[in-house]
Amino acid sequence: MSTSRSLTISKSEVPLYAIILLAAIFAFGLFVVGYDQGHIFSIVLGQDAYSEKFMHELFHDMRHAAGFPCH
């Protein structure tokens, strides 16, 4: 009576497109939190967006916590 045991090893890899998508989302989020000075809303509001800086004021405290200088 012989018994054979088999060991199944499954190799799970993260798809490359998922890494690229997450990197793009991260880069866009970094731009919005760290560097946006009205660029996002200038598409809709025009030049007024640069003086209002809606995203800058929304993320103001997060910018300081992350180490971005803003004034």
N, C-alpha and C. Protein backbone atom coordinates (compact mmCIF):
# COMPACT_ATOMS: atom_id res chain seq x y z
N MET A 1 0.82 -1.15 0.00
CA MET A 1 0.00 0.00 0.00
C MET A 1 0.89 1.25 0.00
N SER A 2 0.84 2.02 -1.03
CA SER A 2 1.64 3.24 -1.07
C SER A 2 0.71 4.44 -1.11
N THR A 3 1.08 5.40 -0.36
CA THR A 3 0.31 6.65 -0.37
C THR A 3 1.22 7.76 -0.87
N SER A 4 0.69 8.53 -1.73
CA SER A 4 1.49 9.65 -2.23
C SER A 4 0.85 10.95 -1.76
N ARG A 5 1.69 11.82 -1.37
CA ARG A 5 1.23 13.13 -0.93
C ARG A 5 1.74 14.16 -1.92
N SER A 6 0.88 15.06 -2.24
CA SER A 6 1.30 16.12 -3.16
C SER A 6 1.15 17.46 -2.47
N LEU A 7 2.06 18.30 -2.77
CA LEU A 7 2.07 19.63 -2.21
C LEU A 7 1.80 20.61 -3.34
N THR A 8 0.74 21.36 -3.19
CA THR A 8 0.39 22.32 -4.22
C THR A 8 0.81 23.71 -3.74
N ILE A 9 1.63 24.34 -4.53
CA ILE A 9 2.08 25.70 -4.22
C ILE A 9 1.45 26.63 -5.24
N SER A 10 0.66 27.55 -4.74
CA SER A 10 0.07 28.52 -5.67
C SER A 10 0.82 29.83 -5.52
N LYS A 11 1.21 30.37 -6.63
CA LYS A 11 1.96 31.61 -6.64
C LYS A 11 1.00 32.71 -7.06
N SER A 12 0.74 33.63 -6.18
CA SER A 12 -0.19 34.71 -6.46
C SER A 12 0.60 35.98 -6.73
N GLU A 13 0.42 36.55 -7.88
CA GLU A 13 1.11 37.77 -8.25
C GLU A 13 0.08 38.88 -8.42
N VAL A 14 0.48 40.08 -8.08
CA VAL A 14 -0.36 41.24 -8.29
C VAL A 14 -0.22 41.64 -9.75
N PRO A 15 -1.35 41.81 -10.44
CA PRO A 15 -1.26 42.19 -11.85
C PRO A 15 -0.59 43.55 -12.02
N LEU A 16 0.15 43.70 -13.09
CA LEU A 16 0.88 44.93 -13.36
C LEU A 16 -0.07 46.11 -13.53
N TYR A 17 -1.22 45.90 -14.16
CA TYR A 17 -2.15 47.01 -14.35
C TYR A 17 -2.70 47.52 -13.03
N ALA A 18 -2.81 46.67 -12.03
CA ALA A 18 -3.28 47.11 -10.71
C ALA A 18 -2.23 47.99 -10.04
N ILE A 19 -0.97 47.65 -10.19
CA ILE A 19 0.11 48.46 -9.63
C ILE A 19 0.16 49.81 -10.32
N ILE A 20 0.01 49.83 -11.62
CA ILE A 20 0.04 51.08 -12.38
C ILE A 20 -1.15 51.95 -12.01
N LEU A 21 -2.33 51.36 -11.87
CA LEU A 21 -3.52 52.11 -11.51
C LEU A 21 -3.38 52.72 -10.11
N LEU A 22 -2.91 51.95 -9.15
CA LEU A 22 -2.72 52.46 -7.79
C LEU A 22 -1.64 53.55 -7.74
N ALA A 23 -0.59 53.40 -8.54
CA ALA A 23 0.44 54.43 -8.59
C ALA A 23 -0.10 55.72 -9.18
N ALA A 24 -0.97 55.63 -10.19
CA ALA A 24 -1.57 56.82 -10.78
C ALA A 24 -2.51 57.50 -9.80
N ILE A 25 -3.30 56.74 -9.06
CA ILE A 25 -4.19 57.31 -8.05
C ILE A 25 -3.37 57.99 -6.96
N PHE A 26 -2.29 57.36 -6.54
CA PHE A 26 -1.42 57.95 -5.52
C PHE A 26 -0.80 59.25 -6.02
N ALA A 27 -0.32 59.26 -7.25
CA ALA A 27 0.30 60.47 -7.80
C ALA A 27 -0.71 61.60 -7.92
N PHE A 28 -1.91 61.30 -8.34
CA PHE A 28 -2.95 62.33 -8.44
C PHE A 28 -3.31 62.85 -7.05
N GLY A 29 -3.44 61.97 -6.08
CA GLY A 29 -3.74 62.39 -4.71
C GLY A 29 -2.63 63.24 -4.12
N LEU A 30 -1.39 62.88 -4.41
CA LEU A 30 -0.26 63.67 -3.93
C LEU A 30 -0.27 65.07 -4.55
N PHE A 31 -0.62 65.14 -5.82
CA PHE A 31 -0.72 66.44 -6.48
C PHE A 31 -1.82 67.29 -5.85
N VAL A 32 -2.97 66.69 -5.62
CA VAL A 32 -4.10 67.44 -5.06
C VAL A 32 -3.79 67.93 -3.66
N VAL A 33 -3.25 67.06 -2.82
CA VAL A 33 -2.98 67.43 -1.43
C VAL A 33 -1.77 68.35 -1.34
N GLY A 34 -0.72 68.06 -2.08
CA GLY A 34 0.53 68.78 -1.88
C GLY A 34 0.78 69.98 -2.74
N TYR A 35 0.30 69.98 -3.96
CA TYR A 35 0.74 71.02 -4.89
C TYR A 35 -0.38 71.81 -5.54
N ASP A 36 -1.61 71.41 -5.38
CA ASP A 36 -2.70 72.10 -6.07
C ASP A 36 -2.90 73.49 -5.49
N GLN A 37 -2.83 74.49 -6.31
CA GLN A 37 -3.07 75.87 -5.91
C GLN A 37 -4.19 76.47 -6.75
N GLY A 38 -5.18 75.65 -7.07
CA GLY A 38 -6.30 76.11 -7.87
C GLY A 38 -6.36 75.47 -9.25
N HIS A 39 -5.44 74.59 -9.55
CA HIS A 39 -5.38 73.99 -10.88
C HIS A 39 -6.57 73.09 -11.19
N ILE A 40 -7.05 72.35 -10.19
CA ILE A 40 -8.15 71.41 -10.41
C ILE A 40 -9.42 72.16 -10.82
N PHE A 41 -9.78 73.18 -10.05
CA PHE A 41 -11.02 73.89 -10.31
C PHE A 41 -10.88 74.97 -11.38
N SER A 42 -9.67 75.23 -11.85
CA SER A 42 -9.51 76.24 -12.90
C SER A 42 -10.16 75.79 -14.20
N ILE A 43 -10.37 74.50 -14.36
CA ILE A 43 -11.05 73.98 -15.54
C ILE A 43 -12.49 74.49 -15.57
N VAL A 44 -13.11 74.57 -14.39
CA VAL A 44 -14.50 74.99 -14.29
C VAL A 44 -14.64 76.48 -14.00
N LEU A 45 -13.86 76.97 -13.05
CA LEU A 45 -14.02 78.35 -12.57
C LEU A 45 -13.13 79.37 -13.27
N GLY A 46 -12.15 78.92 -13.99
CA GLY A 46 -11.25 79.84 -14.67
C GLY A 46 -10.26 80.46 -13.71
N GLN A 47 -9.93 81.74 -13.89
CA GLN A 47 -8.92 82.42 -13.10
C GLN A 47 -9.33 82.59 -11.64
N ASP A 48 -10.61 82.60 -11.34
CA ASP A 48 -11.06 82.75 -9.95
C ASP A 48 -10.58 81.61 -9.07
N ALA A 49 -10.36 80.44 -9.63
CA ALA A 49 -9.94 79.28 -8.85
C ALA A 49 -8.56 79.49 -8.24
N TYR A 50 -7.70 80.26 -8.90
CA TYR A 50 -6.36 80.49 -8.37
C TYR A 50 -6.37 81.40 -7.14
N SER A 51 -7.33 82.29 -7.05
CA SER A 51 -7.40 83.15 -5.87
C SER A 51 -8.20 82.49 -4.74
N GLU A 52 -9.16 81.63 -5.07
CA GLU A 52 -9.97 80.97 -4.04
C GLU A 52 -9.26 79.79 -3.40
N LYS A 53 -8.58 78.97 -4.19
CA LYS A 53 -7.82 77.80 -3.72
C LYS A 53 -8.65 76.87 -2.85
N PHE A 54 -9.76 76.37 -3.39
CA PHE A 54 -10.67 75.52 -2.62
C PHE A 54 -9.99 74.25 -2.11
N MET A 55 -9.26 73.56 -2.96
CA MET A 55 -8.62 72.30 -2.54
C MET A 55 -7.51 72.57 -1.52
N HIS A 56 -6.81 73.67 -1.69
CA HIS A 56 -5.76 74.03 -0.75
C HIS A 56 -6.34 74.22 0.65
N GLU A 57 -7.44 74.93 0.73
CA GLU A 57 -8.05 75.17 2.04
C GLU A 57 -8.68 73.92 2.62
N LEU A 58 -9.19 73.04 1.77
CA LEU A 58 -9.78 71.80 2.24
C LEU A 58 -8.72 70.90 2.88
N PHE A 59 -7.55 70.84 2.27
CA PHE A 59 -6.48 69.96 2.74
C PHE A 59 -5.39 70.71 3.51
N HIS A 60 -5.69 71.90 3.99
CA HIS A 60 -4.68 72.76 4.59
C HIS A 60 -3.95 72.09 5.76
N ASP A 61 -4.66 71.55 6.72
CA ASP A 61 -4.01 70.92 7.88
C ASP A 61 -3.27 69.65 7.49
N MET A 62 -3.81 68.92 6.53
CA MET A 62 -3.13 67.71 6.07
C MET A 62 -1.81 68.06 5.39
N ARG A 63 -1.78 69.19 4.70
CA ARG A 63 -0.54 69.64 4.06
C ARG A 63 0.54 69.90 5.11
N HIS A 64 0.17 70.55 6.19
CA HIS A 64 1.15 70.84 7.25
C HIS A 64 1.61 69.54 7.91
N ALA A 65 0.69 68.63 8.16
CA ALA A 65 1.05 67.36 8.79
C ALA A 65 1.98 66.54 7.90
N ALA A 66 1.82 66.66 6.59
CA ALA A 66 2.66 65.93 5.65
C ALA A 66 3.99 66.62 5.38
N GLY A 67 4.13 67.86 5.86
CA GLY A 67 5.39 68.56 5.70
C GLY A 67 5.46 69.47 4.49
N PHE A 68 4.34 69.75 3.85
CA PHE A 68 4.34 70.66 2.71
C PHE A 68 4.23 72.10 3.20
N PRO A 69 5.14 72.97 2.81
CA PRO A 69 4.99 74.37 3.18
C PRO A 69 3.93 75.03 2.30
N CYS A 70 3.15 75.91 2.87
CA CYS A 70 2.13 76.54 2.04
C CYS A 70 1.94 78.02 2.33
N HIS A 71 2.64 78.57 3.31
CA HIS A 71 2.58 80.03 3.47
C HIS A 71 3.76 80.50 4.27
